[in-house]
Amino acid sequence: DSPIEKVRVASVNNNVSFVNSNEALVAGIELEYRQKLGKIFGSGQYSALNDFYLGANATGMFTEVRLDPTVTIGNGSSIAPTNTTRRMQGASPFLINADINYNKTFGKHDLSTTLDVNYFDDRIYAAGGNEVDDVYEKGFATLNFTLVDKIGEHFEFKITGRNLLDPNIERYQDQRSLGREITVSKFNLGADFGLGVTYKF
Protein backbone atom coordinates (compact mmCIF):
# COMPACT_ATOMS: atom_id res chain seq x y z
CA ASP A 1 0.00 0.00 0.00
CA SER A 2 0.99 3.65 -0.43
CA PRO A 3 1.27 5.33 2.98
CA ILE A 4 -0.10 8.86 3.39
CA GLU A 5 2.52 11.28 4.66
CA LYS A 6 2.57 14.83 5.98
CA VAL A 7 4.76 17.24 3.96
CA ARG A 8 5.81 20.83 4.53
CA VAL A 9 5.65 23.04 1.46
CA ALA A 10 7.76 26.15 0.77
CA SER A 11 5.38 29.05 1.41
CA VAL A 12 5.00 32.19 3.51
CA ASN A 13 2.97 30.27 6.10
CA ASN A 14 4.97 27.03 5.87
CA ASN A 15 1.83 25.15 4.88
CA VAL A 16 1.47 21.44 5.55
CA SER A 17 -0.21 19.04 3.11
CA PHE A 18 -0.32 15.29 2.44
CA VAL A 19 1.06 12.97 -0.24
CA ASN A 20 0.99 9.28 -1.08
CA SER A 21 4.44 7.69 -1.26
CA ASN A 22 5.10 5.08 -3.94
CA GLU A 23 6.30 2.33 -1.65
CA ALA A 24 7.47 1.79 1.89
CA LEU A 25 9.61 -0.73 3.72
CA VAL A 26 9.12 -1.41 7.43
CA ALA A 27 11.14 -3.87 9.50
CA GLY A 28 11.61 -4.09 13.23
CA ILE A 29 11.96 -6.04 16.42
CA GLU A 30 9.88 -5.90 19.58
CA LEU A 31 10.74 -7.13 23.08
CA GLU A 32 8.25 -7.36 25.94
CA TYR A 33 8.58 -8.24 29.61
CA ARG A 34 6.07 -8.49 32.47
CA GLN A 35 6.62 -9.88 35.95
CA LYS A 36 5.63 -9.53 39.60
CA LEU A 37 8.07 -7.40 41.58
CA GLY A 38 7.96 -10.04 44.31
CA LYS A 39 9.37 -12.61 41.92
CA ILE A 40 12.04 -10.24 40.61
CA PHE A 41 13.35 -9.45 44.09
CA GLY A 42 12.83 -12.96 45.46
CA SER A 43 10.26 -11.97 48.07
CA GLY A 44 8.13 -14.51 49.91
CA GLN A 45 4.69 -15.66 48.90
CA TYR A 46 2.92 -13.09 51.09
CA SER A 47 5.18 -10.12 50.39
CA ALA A 48 3.49 -6.82 49.52
CA LEU A 49 5.66 -6.71 46.39
CA ASN A 50 3.55 -9.51 44.91
CA ASP A 51 0.78 -6.95 44.37
CA PHE A 52 3.03 -4.95 42.04
CA TYR A 53 3.65 -5.81 38.40
CA LEU A 54 6.44 -4.39 36.25
CA GLY A 55 6.01 -4.26 32.49
CA ALA A 56 8.27 -3.03 29.70
CA ASN A 57 8.12 -3.00 25.93
CA ALA A 58 10.87 -1.87 23.54
CA THR A 59 10.64 -1.57 19.77
CA GLY A 60 13.36 -0.93 17.21
CA MET A 61 12.20 -0.11 13.71
CA PHE A 62 13.73 0.53 10.29
CA THR A 63 11.56 2.37 7.76
CA GLU A 64 12.15 3.65 4.25
CA VAL A 65 9.83 5.37 1.77
CA ARG A 66 10.45 6.14 -1.88
CA LEU A 67 8.76 8.89 -3.84
CA ASP A 68 8.74 10.08 -7.44
CA PRO A 69 10.69 13.27 -8.26
CA THR A 70 7.30 15.01 -8.50
CA VAL A 71 4.22 14.16 -6.43
CA THR A 72 0.69 15.53 -6.12
CA ILE A 73 -0.36 17.00 -2.76
CA GLY A 74 -3.80 17.31 -1.21
CA ASN A 75 -4.88 20.48 -3.07
CA GLY A 76 -4.04 18.94 -6.46
CA SER A 77 -0.83 20.87 -7.10
CA SER A 78 2.56 19.20 -7.55
CA ILE A 79 5.74 19.47 -5.50
CA ALA A 80 9.23 18.00 -5.70
CA PRO A 81 10.09 16.02 -2.54
CA THR A 82 13.33 17.30 -1.02
CA ASN A 83 14.33 13.70 -0.28
CA THR A 84 12.91 11.01 -2.57
CA THR A 85 14.27 8.28 -0.27
CA ARG A 86 14.08 8.72 3.50
CA ARG A 87 12.62 7.45 6.75
CA MET A 88 8.84 7.20 6.98
CA GLN A 89 7.19 10.35 8.28
CA GLY A 90 5.94 9.92 11.86
CA ALA A 91 7.85 6.67 12.47
CA SER A 92 10.39 6.66 15.28
CA PRO A 93 13.36 4.26 15.04
CA PHE A 94 13.14 3.48 18.75
CA LEU A 95 10.27 3.38 21.24
CA ILE A 96 10.06 2.20 24.83
CA ASN A 97 7.11 1.85 27.19
CA ALA A 98 7.28 0.83 30.85
CA ASP A 99 4.71 0.65 33.61
CA ILE A 100 4.22 -0.36 37.23
CA ASN A 101 0.79 -1.67 38.24
CA TYR A 102 -0.57 -2.19 41.74
CA ASN A 103 -3.72 -4.24 42.27
CA LYS A 104 -5.23 -5.01 45.66
CA THR A 105 -8.62 -5.75 47.18
CA PHE A 106 -9.45 -4.28 50.60
CA GLY A 107 -12.89 -5.37 51.75
CA LYS A 108 -15.30 -3.69 49.32
CA HIS A 109 -12.50 -1.73 47.65
CA ASP A 110 -10.95 -3.10 44.46
CA LEU A 111 -7.95 -0.81 43.94
CA SER A 112 -5.89 -0.57 40.77
CA THR A 113 -3.11 1.95 40.07
CA THR A 114 -0.82 2.37 37.09
CA LEU A 115 2.24 4.56 36.56
CA ASP A 116 3.52 4.44 32.99
CA VAL A 117 6.25 6.15 31.01
CA ASN A 118 6.51 6.27 27.22
CA TYR A 119 9.46 7.45 25.13
CA PHE A 120 10.05 7.78 21.41
CA ASP A 121 13.22 8.79 19.57
CA ASP A 122 13.46 11.64 17.04
CA ARG A 123 11.05 11.26 14.12
CA ILE A 124 10.10 13.19 10.99
CA TYR A 125 7.19 15.49 11.84
CA ALA A 126 6.72 16.73 8.27
CA ALA A 127 8.68 15.75 5.18
CA GLY A 128 10.21 18.53 3.09
CA GLY A 129 9.14 19.58 -0.38
CA ASN A 130 10.45 22.03 -2.99
CA GLU A 131 13.89 22.17 -1.34
CA VAL A 132 12.45 22.72 2.15
CA ASP A 133 14.29 20.41 4.56
CA ASP A 134 12.47 17.73 6.55
CA VAL A 135 11.12 18.87 9.92
CA TYR A 136 11.97 16.57 12.83
CA GLU A 137 10.36 16.25 16.23
CA LYS A 138 12.83 15.62 19.04
CA GLY A 139 12.15 12.54 21.13
CA PHE A 140 10.61 12.99 24.56
CA ALA A 141 9.11 10.98 27.40
CA THR A 142 5.62 11.22 28.87
CA LEU A 143 4.60 10.10 32.36
CA ASN A 144 1.02 9.18 33.22
CA PHE A 145 -0.79 8.01 36.36
CA THR A 146 -4.16 6.32 36.85
CA LEU A 147 -5.90 5.24 40.05
CA VAL A 148 -9.22 3.39 39.98
CA ASP A 149 -11.07 2.34 43.13
CA LYS A 150 -14.15 0.18 42.56
CA ILE A 151 -16.27 0.32 45.70
CA GLY A 152 -18.77 -2.50 45.94
CA GLU A 153 -20.93 -3.21 42.91
CA HIS A 154 -21.98 0.34 42.08
CA PHE A 155 -19.36 3.02 42.74
CA GLU A 156 -16.11 3.72 40.91
CA PHE A 157 -13.69 6.48 41.88
CA LYS A 158 -11.01 7.50 39.37
CA ILE A 159 -8.01 9.87 39.41
CA THR A 160 -5.87 10.46 36.32
CA GLY A 161 -2.75 12.49 35.63
CA ARG A 162 -1.48 12.82 32.07
CA ASN A 163 1.78 14.25 30.76
CA LEU A 164 3.08 14.80 34.29
CA LEU A 165 6.63 15.63 33.14
CA ASP A 166 5.31 18.23 30.66
CA PRO A 167 8.40 17.95 28.41
CA ASN A 168 9.42 20.48 25.78
CA ILE A 169 8.09 19.54 22.36
CA GLU A 170 10.71 20.78 19.92
CA ARG A 171 10.62 20.59 16.15
CA TYR A 172 13.67 21.39 14.07
CA GLN A 173 15.14 21.32 10.58
CA ASP A 174 18.58 19.98 9.77
CA GLN A 175 19.65 22.84 7.52
CA ARG A 176 22.29 21.31 5.31
CA SER A 177 23.07 24.65 3.64
CA LEU A 178 23.95 26.13 7.05
CA GLY A 179 25.43 22.96 8.51
CA ARG A 180 23.33 23.13 11.67
CA GLU A 181 19.89 22.57 13.16
CA ILE A 182 17.26 25.32 13.16
CA THR A 183 14.46 25.20 15.74
CA VAL A 184 11.10 25.53 13.99
CA SER A 185 8.88 25.48 17.08
CA LYS A 186 9.13 24.75 20.79
CA PHE A 187 6.20 24.46 23.17
CA ASN A 188 4.66 22.57 26.09
CA LEU A 189 1.27 20.90 26.16
CA GLY A 190 0.91 21.11 29.94
CA ALA A 191 -0.14 18.42 32.40
CA ASP A 192 -3.73 17.24 32.55
CA PHE A 193 -5.54 15.99 35.66
CA GLY A 194 -8.89 14.30 35.99
CA LEU A 195 -11.19 13.25 38.80
CA GLY A 196 -14.32 11.19 38.28
CA VAL A 197 -16.98 9.29 40.18
CA THR A 198 -19.21 6.74 38.45
CA TYR A 199 -22.34 5.07 39.77
CA LYS A 200 -23.53 1.93 38.00
CA PHE A 201 -27.18 0.98 38.41
C-alpha atoms as a PDB file:
ATOM      1  CA  ASP A   1       0.000   0.000   0.000  1.00  0.00           C
ATOM      2  CA  SER A   2       0.990   3.654  -0.429  1.00  0.00           C
ATOM      3  CA  PRO A   3       1.272   5.327   2.985  1.00  0.00           C
ATOM      4  CA  ILE A   4      -0.104   8.856   3.388  1.00  0.00           C
ATOM      5  CA  GLU A   5       2.523  11.277   4.658  1.00  0.00           C
ATOM      6  CA  LYS A   6       2.571  14.831   5.976  1.00  0.00           C
ATOM      7  CA  VAL A   7       4.760  17.238   3.959  1.00  0.00           C
ATOM      8  CA  ARG A   8       5.814  20.828   4.533  1.00  0.00           C
ATOM      9  CA  VAL A   9       5.650  23.045   1.460  1.00  0.00           C
ATOM     10  CA  ALA A  10       7.756  26.146   0.772  1.00  0.00           C
ATOM     11  CA  SER A  11       5.376  29.054   1.408  1.00  0.00           C
ATOM     12  CA  VAL A  12       4.999  32.191   3.514  1.00  0.00           C
ATOM     13  CA  ASN A  13       2.965  30.273   6.100  1.00  0.00           C
ATOM     14  CA  ASN A  14       4.968  27.029   5.866  1.00  0.00           C
ATOM     15  CA  ASN A  15       1.833  25.153   4.882  1.00  0.00           C
ATOM     16  CA  VAL A  16       1.466  21.437   5.545  1.00  0.00           C
ATOM     17  CA  SER A  17      -0.207  19.041   3.113  1.00  0.00           C
ATOM     18  CA  PHE A  18      -0.324  15.289   2.440  1.00  0.00           C
ATOM     19  CA  VAL A  19       1.058  12.969  -0.245  1.00  0.00           C
ATOM     20  CA  ASN A  20       0.994   9.275  -1.082  1.00  0.00           C
ATOM     21  CA  SER A  21       4.439   7.694  -1.258  1.00  0.00           C
ATOM     22  CA  ASN A  22       5.099   5.081  -3.945  1.00  0.00           C
ATOM     23  CA  GLU A  23       6.299   2.332  -1.651  1.00  0.00           C
ATOM     24  CA  ALA A  24       7.468   1.791   1.894  1.00  0.00           C
ATOM     25  CA  LEU A  25       9.611  -0.726   3.724  1.00  0.00           C
ATOM     26  CA  VAL A  26       9.118  -1.414   7.431  1.00  0.00           C
ATOM     27  CA  ALA A  27      11.143  -3.875   9.499  1.00  0.00           C
ATOM     28  CA  GLY A  28      11.613  -4.095  13.230  1.00  0.00           C
ATOM     29  CA  ILE A  29      11.963  -6.045  16.418  1.00  0.00           C
ATOM     30  CA  GLU A  30       9.879  -5.901  19.585  1.00  0.00           C
ATOM     31  CA  LEU A  31      10.739  -7.128  23.076  1.00  0.00           C
ATOM     32  CA  GLU A  32       8.248  -7.359  25.935  1.00  0.00           C
ATOM     33  CA  TYR A  33       8.580  -8.242  29.614  1.00  0.00           C
ATOM     34  CA  ARG A  34       6.066  -8.495  32.474  1.00  0.00           C
ATOM     35  CA  GLN A  35       6.621  -9.882  35.949  1.00  0.00           C
ATOM     36  CA  LYS A  36       5.633  -9.530  39.600  1.00  0.00           C
ATOM     37  CA  LEU A  37       8.066  -7.397  41.577  1.00  0.00           C
ATOM     38  CA  GLY A  38       7.964 -10.035  44.306  1.00  0.00           C
ATOM     39  CA  LYS A  39       9.374 -12.612  41.919  1.00  0.00           C
ATOM     40  CA  ILE A  40      12.036 -10.236  40.605  1.00  0.00           C
ATOM     41  CA  PHE A  41      13.352  -9.452  44.093  1.00  0.00           C
ATOM     42  CA  GLY A  42      12.830 -12.963  45.463  1.00  0.00           C
ATOM     43  CA  SER A  43      10.258 -11.968  48.075  1.00  0.00           C
ATOM     44  CA  GLY A  44       8.133 -14.506  49.910  1.00  0.00           C
ATOM     45  CA  GLN A  45       4.690 -15.657  48.897  1.00  0.00           C
ATOM     46  CA  TYR A  46       2.919 -13.094  51.089  1.00  0.00           C
ATOM     47  CA  SER A  47       5.185 -10.124  50.391  1.00  0.00           C
ATOM     48  CA  ALA A  48       3.490  -6.823  49.521  1.00  0.00           C
ATOM     49  CA  LEU A  49       5.655  -6.710  46.391  1.00  0.00           C
ATOM     50  CA  ASN A  50       3.550  -9.511  44.910  1.00  0.00           C
ATOM     51  CA  ASP A  51       0.777  -6.949  44.370  1.00  0.00           C
ATOM     52  CA  PHE A  52       3.027  -4.946  42.038  1.00  0.00           C
ATOM     53  CA  TYR A  53       3.652  -5.805  38.396  1.00  0.00           C
ATOM     54  CA  LEU A  54       6.438  -4.389  36.246  1.00  0.00           C
ATOM     55  CA  GLY A  55       6.009  -4.256  32.486  1.00  0.00           C
ATOM     56  CA  ALA A  56       8.273  -3.032  29.705  1.00  0.00           C
ATOM     57  CA  ASN A  57       8.120  -2.996  25.932  1.00  0.00           C
ATOM     58  CA  ALA A  58      10.868  -1.874  23.539  1.00  0.00           C
ATOM     59  CA  THR A  59      10.636  -1.569  19.769  1.00  0.00           C
ATOM     60  CA  GLY A  60      13.362  -0.928  17.213  1.00  0.00           C
ATOM     61  CA  MET A  61      12.202  -0.108  13.710  1.00  0.00           C
ATOM     62  CA  PHE A  62      13.728   0.530  10.290  1.00  0.00           C
ATOM     63  CA  THR A  63      11.565   2.367   7.756  1.00  0.00           C
ATOM     64  CA  GLU A  64      12.148   3.655   4.249  1.00  0.00           C
ATOM     65  CA  VAL A  65       9.833   5.374   1.771  1.00  0.00           C
ATOM     66  CA  ARG A  66      10.450   6.136  -1.883  1.00  0.00           C
ATOM     67  CA  LEU A  67       8.765   8.894  -3.845  1.00  0.00           C
ATOM     68  CA  ASP A  68       8.738  10.084  -7.439  1.00  0.00           C
ATOM     69  CA  PRO A  69      10.686  13.271  -8.256  1.00  0.00           C
ATOM     70  CA  THR A  70       7.297  15.012  -8.504  1.00  0.00           C
ATOM     71  CA  VAL A  71       4.218  14.162  -6.425  1.00  0.00           C
ATOM     72  CA  THR A  72       0.687  15.532  -6.117  1.00  0.00           C
ATOM     73  CA  ILE A  73      -0.356  16.996  -2.761  1.00  0.00           C
ATOM     74  CA  GLY A  74      -3.798  17.314  -1.211  1.00  0.00           C
ATOM     75  CA  ASN A  75      -4.881  20.479  -3.068  1.00  0.00           C
ATOM     76  CA  GLY A  76      -4.043  18.938  -6.457  1.00  0.00           C
ATOM     77  CA  SER A  77      -0.829  20.869  -7.101  1.00  0.00           C
ATOM     78  CA  SER A  78       2.561  19.201  -7.554  1.00  0.00           C
ATOM     79  CA  ILE A  79       5.743  19.474  -5.500  1.00  0.00           C
ATOM     80  CA  ALA A  80       9.226  18.002  -5.696  1.00  0.00           C
ATOM     81  CA  PRO A  81      10.095  16.021  -2.539  1.00  0.00           C
ATOM     82  CA  THR A  82      13.333  17.299  -1.017  1.00  0.00           C
ATOM     83  CA  ASN A  83      14.328  13.697  -0.278  1.00  0.00           C
ATOM     84  CA  THR A  84      12.911  11.013  -2.567  1.00  0.00           C
ATOM     85  CA  THR A  85      14.265   8.276  -0.273  1.00  0.00           C
ATOM     86  CA  ARG A  86      14.083   8.724   3.505  1.00  0.00           C
ATOM     87  CA  ARG A  87      12.616   7.447   6.753  1.00  0.00           C
ATOM     88  CA  MET A  88       8.839   7.197   6.981  1.00  0.00           C
ATOM     89  CA  GLN A  89       7.185  10.351   8.280  1.00  0.00           C
ATOM     90  CA  GLY A  90       5.940   9.918  11.857  1.00  0.00           C
ATOM     91  CA  ALA A  91       7.846   6.672  12.471  1.00  0.00           C
ATOM     92  CA  SER A  92      10.392   6.657  15.280  1.00  0.00           C
ATOM     93  CA  PRO A  93      13.363   4.261  15.035  1.00  0.00           C
ATOM     94  CA  PHE A  94      13.136   3.480  18.747  1.00  0.00           C
ATOM     95  CA  LEU A  95      10.267   3.383  21.243  1.00  0.00           C
ATOM     96  CA  ILE A  96      10.058   2.197  24.827  1.00  0.00           C
ATOM     97  CA  ASN A  97       7.110   1.846  27.193  1.00  0.00           C
ATOM     98  CA  ALA A  98       7.277   0.827  30.849  1.00  0.00           C
ATOM     99  CA  ASP A  99       4.712   0.649  33.614  1.00  0.00           C
ATOM    100  CA  ILE A 100       4.220  -0.362  37.231  1.00  0.00           C
ATOM    101  CA  ASN A 101       0.794  -1.673  38.236  1.00  0.00           C
ATOM    102  CA  TYR A 102      -0.568  -2.188  41.736  1.00  0.00           C
ATOM    103  CA  ASN A 103      -3.723  -4.242  42.265  1.00  0.00           C
ATOM    104  CA  LYS A 104      -5.235  -5.006  45.659  1.00  0.00           C
ATOM    105  CA  THR A 105      -8.622  -5.746  47.178  1.00  0.00           C
ATOM    106  CA  PHE A 106      -9.447  -4.281  50.604  1.00  0.00           C
ATOM    107  CA  GLY A 107     -12.887  -5.372  51.751  1.00  0.00           C
ATOM    108  CA  LYS A 108     -15.297  -3.691  49.322  1.00  0.00           C
ATOM    109  CA  HIS A 109     -12.502  -1.730  47.646  1.00  0.00           C
ATOM    110  CA  ASP A 110     -10.946  -3.104  44.460  1.00  0.00           C
ATOM    111  CA  LEU A 111      -7.947  -0.813  43.942  1.00  0.00           C
ATOM    112  CA  SER A 112      -5.888  -0.569  40.765  1.00  0.00           C
ATOM    113  CA  THR A 113      -3.114   1.954  40.073  1.00  0.00           C
ATOM    114  CA  THR A 114      -0.815   2.374  37.085  1.00  0.00           C
ATOM    115  CA  LEU A 115       2.238   4.557  36.556  1.00  0.00           C
ATOM    116  CA  ASP A 116       3.515   4.437  32.985  1.00  0.00           C
ATOM    117  CA  VAL A 117       6.254   6.149  31.005  1.00  0.00           C
ATOM    118  CA  ASN A 118       6.510   6.271  27.218  1.00  0.00           C
ATOM    119  CA  TYR A 119       9.456   7.446  25.126  1.00  0.00           C
ATOM    120  CA  PHE A 120      10.048   7.781  21.406  1.00  0.00           C
ATOM    121  CA  ASP A 121      13.222   8.794  19.569  1.00  0.00           C
ATOM    122  CA  ASP A 122      13.460  11.642  17.036  1.00  0.00           C
ATOM    123  CA  ARG A 123      11.052  11.264  14.120  1.00  0.00           C
ATOM    124  CA  ILE A 124      10.098  13.185  10.993  1.00  0.00           C
ATOM    125  CA  TYR A 125       7.192  15.491  11.843  1.00  0.00           C
ATOM    126  CA  ALA A 126       6.719  16.731   8.273  1.00  0.00           C
ATOM    127  CA  ALA A 127       8.683  15.748   5.178  1.00  0.00           C
ATOM    128  CA  GLY A 128      10.205  18.534   3.090  1.00  0.00           C
ATOM    129  CA  GLY A 129       9.143  19.577  -0.379  1.00  0.00           C
ATOM    130  CA  ASN A 130      10.446  22.033  -2.987  1.00  0.00           C
ATOM    131  CA  GLU A 131      13.888  22.169  -1.342  1.00  0.00           C
ATOM    132  CA  VAL A 132      12.453  22.721   2.148  1.00  0.00           C
ATOM    133  CA  ASP A 133      14.293  20.407   4.556  1.00  0.00           C
ATOM    134  CA  ASP A 134      12.466  17.731   6.552  1.00  0.00           C
ATOM    135  CA  VAL A 135      11.116  18.875   9.924  1.00  0.00           C
ATOM    136  CA  TYR A 136      11.972  16.570  12.827  1.00  0.00           C
ATOM    137  CA  GLU A 137      10.356  16.253  16.230  1.00  0.00           C
ATOM    138  CA  LYS A 138      12.825  15.615  19.038  1.00  0.00           C
ATOM    139  CA  GLY A 139      12.149  12.544  21.126  1.00  0.00           C
ATOM    140  CA  PHE A 140      10.613  12.993  24.562  1.00  0.00           C
ATOM    141  CA  ALA A 141       9.113  10.981  27.403  1.00  0.00           C
ATOM    142  CA  THR A 142       5.622  11.221  28.871  1.00  0.00           C
ATOM    143  CA  LEU A 143       4.605  10.095  32.355  1.00  0.00           C
ATOM    144  CA  ASN A 144       1.015   9.180  33.221  1.00  0.00           C
ATOM    145  CA  PHE A 145      -0.787   8.006  36.364  1.00  0.00           C
ATOM    146  CA  THR A 146      -4.155   6.316  36.846  1.00  0.00           C
ATOM    147  CA  LEU A 147      -5.900   5.236  40.047  1.00  0.00           C
ATOM    148  CA  VAL A 148      -9.222   3.389  39.975  1.00  0.00           C
ATOM    149  CA  ASP A 149     -11.073   2.337  43.130  1.00  0.00           C
ATOM    150  CA  LYS A 150     -14.151   0.178  42.565  1.00  0.00           C
ATOM    151  CA  ILE A 151     -16.268   0.316  45.703  1.00  0.00           C
ATOM    152  CA  GLY A 152     -18.770  -2.501  45.942  1.00  0.00           C
ATOM    153  CA  GLU A 153     -20.930  -3.208  42.915  1.00  0.00           C
ATOM    154  CA  HIS A 154     -21.980   0.339  42.077  1.00  0.00           C
ATOM    155  CA  PHE A 155     -19.359   3.020  42.739  1.00  0.00           C
ATOM    156  CA  GLU A 156     -16.114   3.717  40.914  1.00  0.00           C
ATOM    157  CA  PHE A 157     -13.695   6.481  41.875  1.00  0.00           C
ATOM    158  CA  LYS A 158     -11.005   7.502  39.366  1.00  0.00           C
ATOM    159  CA  ILE A 159      -8.013   9.870  39.409  1.00  0.00           C
ATOM    160  CA  THR A 160      -5.866  10.463  36.324  1.00  0.00           C
ATOM    161  CA  GLY A 161      -2.753  12.486  35.627  1.00  0.00           C
ATOM    162  CA  ARG A 162      -1.483  12.817  32.065  1.00  0.00           C
ATOM    163  CA  ASN A 163       1.783  14.249  30.758  1.00  0.00           C
ATOM    164  CA  LEU A 164       3.080  14.801  34.294  1.00  0.00           C
ATOM    165  CA  LEU A 165       6.627  15.628  33.136  1.00  0.00           C
ATOM    166  CA  ASP A 166       5.312  18.226  30.661  1.00  0.00           C
ATOM    167  CA  PRO A 167       8.405  17.950  28.413  1.00  0.00           C
ATOM    168  CA  ASN A 168       9.417  20.480  25.784  1.00  0.00           C
ATOM    169  CA  ILE A 169       8.087  19.545  22.362  1.00  0.00           C
ATOM    170  CA  GLU A 170      10.705  20.780  19.925  1.00  0.00           C
ATOM    171  CA  ARG A 171      10.616  20.587  16.146  1.00  0.00           C
ATOM    172  CA  TYR A 172      13.667  21.386  14.074  1.00  0.00           C
ATOM    173  CA  GLN A 173      15.140  21.320  10.579  1.00  0.00           C
ATOM    174  CA  ASP A 174      18.583  19.976   9.768  1.00  0.00           C
ATOM    175  CA  GLN A 175      19.645  22.843   7.518  1.00  0.00           C
ATOM    176  CA  ARG A 176      22.289  21.309   5.307  1.00  0.00           C
ATOM    177  CA  SER A 177      23.068  24.646   3.641  1.00  0.00           C
ATOM    178  CA  LEU A 178      23.954  26.127   7.045  1.00  0.00           C
ATOM    179  CA  GLY A 179      25.433  22.963   8.506  1.00  0.00           C
ATOM    180  CA  ARG A 180      23.335  23.129  11.674  1.00  0.00           C
ATOM    181  CA  GLU A 181      19.891  22.574  13.158  1.00  0.00           C
ATOM    182  CA  ILE A 182      17.262  25.322  13.160  1.00  0.00           C
ATOM    183  CA  THR A 183      14.460  25.201  15.743  1.00  0.00           C
ATOM    184  CA  VAL A 184      11.100  25.533  13.994  1.00  0.00           C
ATOM    185  CA  SER A 185       8.881  25.484  17.081  1.00  0.00           C
ATOM    186  CA  LYS A 186       9.132  24.752  20.788  1.00  0.00           C
ATOM    187  CA  PHE A 187       6.200  24.459  23.171  1.00  0.00           C
ATOM    188  CA  ASN A 188       4.662  22.568  26.087  1.00  0.00           C
ATOM    189  CA  LEU A 189       1.267  20.898  26.158  1.00  0.00           C
ATOM    190  CA  GLY A 190       0.906  21.105  29.943  1.00  0.00           C
ATOM    191  CA  ALA A 191      -0.139  18.425  32.398  1.00  0.00           C
ATOM    192  CA  ASP A 192      -3.733  17.240  32.552  1.00  0.00           C
ATOM    193  CA  PHE A 193      -5.539  15.992  35.655  1.00  0.00           C
ATOM    194  CA  GLY A 194      -8.893  14.303  35.990  1.00  0.00           C
ATOM    195  CA  LEU A 195     -11.195  13.250  38.800  1.00  0.00           C
ATOM    196  CA  GLY A 196     -14.316  11.193  38.281  1.00  0.00           C
ATOM    197  CA  VAL A 197     -16.983   9.292  40.177  1.00  0.00           C
ATOM    198  CA  THR A 198     -19.210   6.742  38.452  1.00  0.00           C
ATOM    199  CA  TYR A 199     -22.344   5.069  39.771  1.00  0.00           C
ATOM    200  CA  LYS A 200     -23.534   1.927  38.005  1.00  0.00           C
ATOM    201  CA  PHE A 201     -27.185   0.981  38.411  1.00  0.00           C
END
